[in-house]
PDB file of N, CA and C in Angstrom:
ATOM      1  N   MET A   1     138.550 178.128 272.496  1.00  0.00           N
ATOM      2  CA  MET A   1     138.596 177.703 271.204  1.00  0.00           C
ATOM      3  C   MET A   1     138.212 178.755 270.229  1.00  0.00           C
ATOM      4  N   ILE A   2     137.420 179.676 270.619  1.00  0.00           N
ATOM      5  CA  ILE A   2     137.171 180.919 269.724  1.00  0.00           C
ATOM      6  C   ILE A   2     138.266 181.767 269.383  1.00  0.00           C
ATOM      7  N   GLY A   3     139.312 181.870 270.242  1.00  0.00           N
ATOM      8  CA  GLY A   3     140.324 182.791 270.120  1.00  0.00           C
ATOM      9  C   GLY A   3     141.220 182.589 269.001  1.00  0.00           C
ATOM     10  N   TRP A   4     141.440 181.192 268.846  1.00  0.00           N
ATOM     11  CA  TRP A   4     142.332 180.882 267.609  1.00  0.00           C
ATOM     12  C   TRP A   4     141.559 180.990 266.477  1.00  0.00           C
ATOM     13  N   CYS A   5     140.267 180.628 266.439  1.00  0.00           N
ATOM     14  CA  CYS A   5     139.591 180.871 265.294  1.00  0.00           C
ATOM     15  C   CYS A   5     139.653 182.029 264.506  1.00  0.00           C
ATOM     16  N   LEU A   6     139.859 183.292 265.275  1.00  0.00           N
ATOM     17  CA  LEU A   6     139.892 184.613 264.643  1.00  0.00           C
ATOM     18  C   LEU A   6     141.311 184.690 264.037  1.00  0.00           C
ATOM     19  N   THR A   7     142.250 183.960 264.199  1.00  0.00           N
ATOM     20  CA  THR A   7     143.675 184.109 263.521  1.00  0.00           C
ATOM     21  C   THR A   7     143.820 183.100 262.591  1.00  0.00           C
ATOM     22  N   TYR A   8     143.114 181.953 262.755  1.00  0.00           N
ATOM     23  CA  TYR A   8     143.437 180.706 261.957  1.00  0.00           C
ATOM     24  C   TYR A   8     143.581 181.082 260.272  1.00  0.00           C
ATOM     25  N   PHE A   9     142.641 181.587 259.729  1.00  0.00           N
ATOM     26  CA  PHE A   9     142.532 181.990 258.365  1.00  0.00           C
ATOM     27  C   PHE A   9     143.552 182.844 257.836  1.00  0.00           C
ATOM     28  N   VAL A  10     144.107 183.671 258.492  1.00  0.00           N
ATOM     29  CA  VAL A  10     145.244 184.618 258.065  1.00  0.00           C
ATOM     30  C   VAL A  10     146.381 183.497 257.670  1.00  0.00           C
ATOM     31  N   ASN A  11     146.527 182.371 258.455  1.00  0.00           N
ATOM     32  CA  ASN A  11     147.635 181.705 257.822  1.00  0.00           C
ATOM     33  C   ASN A  11     147.540 181.167 256.516  1.00  0.00           C
ATOM     34  N   PHE A  12     146.336 180.810 256.218  1.00  0.00           N
ATOM     35  CA  PHE A  12     146.064 180.252 254.982  1.00  0.00           C
ATOM     36  C   PHE A  12     146.371 181.308 253.755  1.00  0.00           C
ATOM     37  N   THR A  13     146.144 182.603 253.994  1.00  0.00           N
ATOM     38  CA  THR A  13     146.326 183.442 252.903  1.00  0.00           C
ATOM     39  C   THR A  13     147.916 183.931 252.685  1.00  0.00           C
ATOM     40  N   GLY A  14     148.804 183.500 253.608  1.00  0.00           N
ATOM     41  CA  GLY A  14     150.192 183.957 253.413  1.00  0.00           C
ATOM     42  C   GLY A  14     150.393 185.235 253.936  1.00  0.00           C
ATOM     43  N   HIS A  15     149.497 186.020 254.803  1.00  0.00           N
ATOM     44  CA  HIS A  15     149.903 187.130 255.408  1.00  0.00           C
ATOM     45  C   HIS A  15     150.506 186.952 256.708  1.00  0.00           C
ATOM     46  N   PRO A  16     151.629 187.725 256.991  1.00  0.00           N
ATOM     47  CA  PRO A  16     152.166 187.479 258.407  1.00  0.00           C
ATOM     48  C   PRO A  16     151.234 188.169 259.370  1.00  0.00           C
ATOM     49  N   ALA A  17     151.104 187.699 260.652  1.00  0.00           N
ATOM     50  CA  ALA A  17     150.362 188.211 261.581  1.00  0.00           C
ATOM     51  C   ALA A  17     150.960 188.118 263.023  1.00  0.00           C
ATOM     52  N   ALA A  18     150.585 188.930 263.935  1.00  0.00           N
ATOM     53  CA  ALA A  18     151.031 188.655 265.330  1.00  0.00           C
ATOM     54  C   ALA A  18     149.916 189.114 266.168  1.00  0.00           C
ATOM     55  N   SER A  19     149.799 188.659 267.306  1.00  0.00           N
ATOM     56  CA  SER A  19     148.826 188.874 268.430  1.00  0.00           C
ATOM     57  C   SER A  19     149.680 189.586 269.691  1.00  0.00           C
ATOM     58  N   ILE A  20     149.295 190.725 270.003  1.00  0.00           N
ATOM     59  CA  ILE A  20     150.262 191.375 271.098  1.00  0.00           C
ATOM     60  C   ILE A  20     149.327 191.793 272.198  1.00  0.00           C
ATOM     61  N   PRO A  21     149.786 191.593 273.550  1.00  0.00           N
ATOM     62  CA  PRO A  21     149.127 192.010 274.554  1.00  0.00           C
ATOM     63  C   PRO A  21     148.822 193.500 274.457  1.00  0.00           C
ATOM     64  N   ALA A  22     147.568 193.986 274.741  1.00  0.00           N
ATOM     65  CA  ALA A  22     147.052 195.266 274.546  1.00  0.00           C
ATOM     66  C   ALA A  22     146.426 195.821 275.762  1.00  0.00           C
ATOM     67  N   GLY A  23     146.476 195.015 276.959  1.00  0.00           N
ATOM     68  CA  GLY A  23     145.866 195.634 278.257  1.00  0.00           C
ATOM     69  C   GLY A  23     144.847 194.707 278.602  1.00  0.00           C
ATOM     70  N   LEU A  24     144.006 195.445 279.596  1.00  0.00           N
ATOM     71  CA  LEU A  24     142.875 194.624 280.110  1.00  0.00           C
ATOM     72  C   LEU A  24     141.605 195.351 279.953  1.00  0.00           C
ATOM     73  N   SER A  25     140.460 194.585 279.851  1.00  0.00           N
ATOM     74  CA  SER A  25     139.154 195.205 279.710  1.00  0.00           C
ATOM     75  C   SER A  25     138.262 194.426 280.812  1.00  0.00           C
ATOM     76  N   ASP A  26     137.866 195.005 281.693  1.00  0.00           N
ATOM     77  CA  ASP A  26     137.032 194.346 282.950  1.00  0.00           C
ATOM     78  C   ASP A  26     137.751 193.370 283.544  1.00  0.00           C
ATOM     79  N   GLY A  27     139.075 193.480 283.609  1.00  0.00           N
ATOM     80  CA  GLY A  27     140.033 192.564 284.338  1.00  0.00           C
ATOM     81  C   GLY A  27     140.495 191.424 283.536  1.00  0.00           C
ATOM     82  N   LEU A  28     140.056 191.548 282.239  1.00  0.00           N
ATOM     83  CA  LEU A  28     140.457 190.389 281.359  1.00  0.00           C
ATOM     84  C   LEU A  28     141.480 190.866 280.330  1.00  0.00           C
ATOM     85  N   PRO A  29     142.437 190.050 279.939  1.00  0.00           N
ATOM     86  CA  PRO A  29     143.369 190.429 278.963  1.00  0.00           C
ATOM     87  C   PRO A  29     142.860 190.606 277.602  1.00  0.00           C
ATOM     88  N   VAL A  30     143.425 191.620 276.812  1.00  0.00           N
ATOM     89  CA  VAL A  30     142.912 191.792 275.440  1.00  0.00           C
ATOM     90  C   VAL A  30     144.153 191.883 274.694  1.00  0.00           C
ATOM     91  N   GLY A  31     143.946 191.279 273.446  1.00  0.00           N
ATOM     92  CA  GLY A  31     144.998 191.223 272.441  1.00  0.00           C
ATOM     93  C   GLY A  31     144.599 192.070 271.348  1.00  0.00           C
ATOM     94  N   MET A  32     145.720 192.476 270.551  1.00  0.00           N
ATOM     95  CA  MET A  32     145.674 193.243 269.414  1.00  0.00           C
ATOM     96  C   MET A  32     146.335 192.563 268.232  1.00  0.00           C
ATOM     97  N   GLN A  33     145.651 192.291 267.211  1.00  0.00           N
ATOM     98  CA  GLN A  33     146.146 191.566 266.088  1.00  0.00           C
ATOM     99  C   GLN A  33     146.847 192.629 265.015  1.00  0.00           C
ATOM    100  N   VAL A  34     148.069 192.256 264.625  1.00  0.00           N
ATOM    101  CA  VAL A  34     148.702 193.071 263.469  1.00  0.00           C
ATOM    102  C   VAL A  34     148.845 192.102 262.384  1.00  0.00           C
ATOM    103  N   ILE A  35     148.442 192.472 261.133  1.00  0.00           N
ATOM    104  CA  ILE A  35     148.438 191.662 259.936  1.00  0.00           C
ATOM    105  C   ILE A  35     148.951 192.484 258.930  1.00  0.00           C
ATOM    106  N   GLY A  36     149.960 191.924 258.123  1.00  0.00           N
ATOM    107  CA  GLY A  36     150.757 192.652 257.162  1.00  0.00           C
ATOM    108  C   GLY A  36     150.460 192.115 255.764  1.00  0.00           C
ATOM    109  N   ARG A  37     151.048 192.809 254.818  1.00  0.00           N
ATOM    110  CA  ARG A  37     151.175 192.419 253.491  1.00  0.00           C
ATOM    111  C   ARG A  37     151.666 191.090 253.259  1.00  0.00           C
ATOM    112  N   ARG A  38     151.395 190.425 252.303  1.00  0.00           N
ATOM    113  CA  ARG A  38     152.062 189.076 252.134  1.00  0.00           C
ATOM    114  C   ARG A  38     153.614 189.058 252.099  1.00  0.00           C
ATOM    115  N   ASN A  39     154.226 188.472 252.740  1.00  0.00           N
ATOM    116  CA  ASN A  39     155.816 188.399 252.671  1.00  0.00           C
ATOM    117  C   ASN A  39     156.439 189.536 253.467  1.00  0.00           C
ATOM    118  N   ALA A  40     155.590 190.420 254.086  1.00  0.00           N
ATOM    119  CA  ALA A  40     156.104 191.595 254.983  1.00  0.00           C
ATOM    120  C   ALA A  40     156.269 191.297 256.405  1.00  0.00           C
ATOM    121  N   ASP A  41     156.877 190.128 256.746  1.00  0.00           N
ATOM    122  CA  ASP A  41     157.102 189.693 258.016  1.00  0.00           C
ATOM    123  C   ASP A  41     157.834 190.695 258.818  1.00  0.00           C
ATOM    124  N   THR A  42     158.741 191.393 258.406  1.00  0.00           N
ATOM    125  CA  THR A  42     159.587 192.378 259.090  1.00  0.00           C
ATOM    126  C   THR A  42     158.649 193.673 259.437  1.00  0.00           C
ATOM    127  N   ASP A  43     157.865 193.996 258.674  1.00  0.00           N
ATOM    128  CA  ASP A  43     156.841 195.046 258.940  1.00  0.00           C
ATOM    129  C   ASP A  43     156.065 194.671 260.132  1.00  0.00           C
ATOM    130  N   VAL A  44     155.555 193.459 260.096  1.00  0.00           N
ATOM    131  CA  VAL A  44     154.778 193.082 261.409  1.00  0.00           C
ATOM    132  C   VAL A  44     155.472 192.989 262.684  1.00  0.00           C
ATOM    133  N   LEU A  45     156.702 192.449 262.473  1.00  0.00           N
ATOM    134  CA  LEU A  45     157.355 192.450 263.715  1.00  0.00           C
ATOM    135  C   LEU A  45     157.825 193.744 264.120  1.00  0.00           C
ATOM    136  N   ALA A  46     158.088 194.667 263.246  1.00  0.00           N
ATOM    137  CA  ALA A  46     158.597 196.114 263.617  1.00  0.00           C
ATOM    138  C   ALA A  46     157.293 196.658 264.246  1.00  0.00           C
ATOM    139  N   ALA A  47     156.193 196.683 263.640  1.00  0.00           N
ATOM    140  CA  ALA A  47     154.990 197.310 264.256  1.00  0.00           C
ATOM    141  C   ALA A  47     154.594 196.783 265.442  1.00  0.00           C
ATOM    142  N   SER A  48     154.845 195.427 265.853  1.00  0.00           N
ATOM    143  CA  SER A  48     154.555 194.706 267.054  1.00  0.00           C
ATOM    144  C   SER A  48     155.476 195.320 268.128  1.00  0.00           C
ATOM    145  N   ALA A  49     156.789 195.335 267.714  1.00  0.00           N
ATOM    146  CA  ALA A  49     157.851 195.864 268.756  1.00  0.00           C
ATOM    147  C   ALA A  49     157.671 197.173 269.105  1.00  0.00           C
ATOM    148  N   ALA A  50     157.210 198.113 268.169  1.00  0.00           N
ATOM    149  CA  ALA A  50     156.932 199.564 268.332  1.00  0.00           C
ATOM    150  C   ALA A  50     155.727 199.786 269.351  1.00  0.00           C
ATOM    151  N   PHE A  51     154.780 198.917 269.078  1.00  0.00           N
ATOM    152  CA  PHE A  51     153.515 199.008 270.085  1.00  0.00           C
ATOM    153  C   PHE A  51     153.975 198.569 271.474  1.00  0.00           C
ATOM    154  N   GLU A  52     154.715 197.410 271.531  1.00  0.00           N
ATOM    155  CA  GLU A  52     155.207 196.901 272.900  1.00  0.00           C
ATOM    156  C   GLU A  52     156.048 197.978 273.537  1.00  0.00           C
ATOM    157  N   ARG A  53     156.837 198.546 272.746  1.00  0.00           N
ATOM    158  CA  ARG A  53     157.837 199.575 273.423  1.00  0.00           C
ATOM    159  C   ARG A  53     156.820 200.907 274.217  1.00  0.00           C
ATOM    160  N   LEU A  54     155.816 201.293 273.279  1.00  0.00           N
ATOM    161  CA  LEU A  54     155.032 202.312 273.813  1.00  0.00           C
ATOM    162  C   LEU A  54     154.091 201.948 274.793  1.00  0.00           C
ATOM    163  N   ARG A  55     153.446 200.635 274.779  1.00  0.00           N
ATOM    164  CA  ARG A  55     152.614 200.163 275.873  1.00  0.00           C
ATOM    165  C   ARG A  55     153.123 198.913 276.353  1.00  0.00           C
ATOM    166  N   PRO A  56     153.921 198.885 277.320  1.00  0.00           N
ATOM    167  CA  PRO A  56     154.462 197.608 277.759  1.00  0.00           C
ATOM    168  C   PRO A  56     153.393 197.053 278.656  1.00  0.00           C
ATOM    169  N   TRP A  57     153.439 195.616 278.398  1.00  0.00           N
ATOM    170  CA  TRP A  57     152.345 194.967 279.000  1.00  0.00           C
ATOM    171  C   TRP A  57     152.726 194.116 280.115  1.00  0.00           C
ATOM    172  N   HIS A  58     153.877 194.131 280.744  1.00  0.00           N
ATOM    173  CA  HIS A  58     154.274 193.224 281.832  1.00  0.00           C
ATOM    174  C   HIS A  58     153.748 193.614 283.074  1.00  0.00           C
ATOM    175  N   ASP A  59     153.364 195.055 283.288  1.00  0.00           N
ATOM    176  CA  ASP A  59     152.648 195.506 284.425  1.00  0.00           C
ATOM    177  C   ASP A  59     151.467 194.955 284.513  1.00  0.00           C
ATOM    178  N   SER A  60     150.632 194.843 283.468  1.00  0.00           N
ATOM    179  CA  SER A  60     149.384 194.429 283.444  1.00  0.00           C
ATOM    180  C   SER A  60     149.273 192.781 283.544  1.00  0.00           C
ATOM    181  N   TYR A  61     150.296 192.124 283.202  1.00  0.00           N
ATOM    182  CA  TYR A  61     150.295 190.813 283.404  1.00  0.00           C
ATOM    183  C   TYR A  61     150.446 190.520 284.946  1.00  0.00           C
ATOM    184  N   ARG A  62     151.372 191.321 285.440  1.00  0.00           N
ATOM    185  CA  ARG A  62     151.581 191.006 286.974  1.00  0.00           C
ATOM    186  C   ARG A  62     150.079 191.184 287.718  1.00  0.00           C
ATOM    187  N   MET A  63     149.249 192.147 287.332  1.00  0.00           N
ATOM    188  CA  MET A  63     148.051 192.396 287.926  1.00  0.00           C
ATOM    189  C   MET A  63     147.172 191.286 287.698  1.00  0.00           C
ATOM    190  N   CYS A  64     147.286 190.525 286.553  1.00  0.00           N
ATOM    191  CA  CYS A  64     146.461 189.292 286.294  1.00  0.00           C
ATOM    192  C   CYS A  64     146.939 188.190 287.174  1.00  0.00           C
ATOM    193  N   ARG A  65     148.272 188.084 287.445  1.00  0.00           N
ATOM    194  CA  ARG A  65     148.613 186.899 288.322  1.00  0.00           C
ATOM    195  C   ARG A  65     148.339 187.090 289.722  1.00  0.00           C
ATOM    196  N   GLU A  66     148.253 188.398 290.151  1.00  0.00           N
ATOM    197  CA  GLU A  66     147.801 188.642 291.508  1.00  0.00           C
ATOM    198  C   GLU A  66     146.550 188.508 291.911  1.00  0.00           C
ATOM    199  N   ARG A  67     145.716 188.519 291.015  1.00  0.00           N
ATOM    200  CA  ARG A  67     144.258 188.364 291.322  1.00  0.00           C
ATOM    201  C   ARG A  67     143.619 187.500 290.110  1.00  0.00           C
ATOM    202  N   PRO A  68     142.512 186.746 290.464  1.00  0.00           N
ATOM    203  CA  PRO A  68     141.879 186.033 289.393  1.00  0.00           C
ATOM    204  C   PRO A  68     141.423 186.802 288.334  1.00  0.00           C
ATOM    205  N   LEU A  69     141.542 186.302 286.992  1.00  0.00           N
ATOM    206  CA  LEU A  69     140.966 186.950 285.940  1.00  0.00           C
ATOM    207  C   LEU A  69     139.383 187.269 285.941  1.00  0.00           C
ATOM    208  N   GLY A  70     138.955 188.557 285.502  1.00  0.00           N
ATOM    209  CA  GLY A  70     137.649 188.702 285.642  1.00  0.00           C
ATOM    210  C   GLY A  70     137.161 189.365 286.894  1.00  0.00           C
ATOM    211  N   THR A  71     138.046 189.500 287.982  1.00  0.00           N
ATOM    212  CA  THR A  71     137.640 190.160 289.201  1.00  0.00           C
ATOM    213  C   THR A  71     138.095 191.477 289.378  1.00  0.00           C
TER     214      THR A  71
END
């Protein structure tokens, strides 16, 4: 429940936001939030896409599936 609480209020302000997989910390997935100016949805999508191109997450995700999280 706590995870969505950190992003919930951004929706009320009208600011676009994205949560992107950013790797693992102690075997647990970590996300990065990108929050833009109001009505700047394309900027948030562009920044999110650029980060994912530089730091692909699919290899980290495979590690999570092959072993229990937190181990």
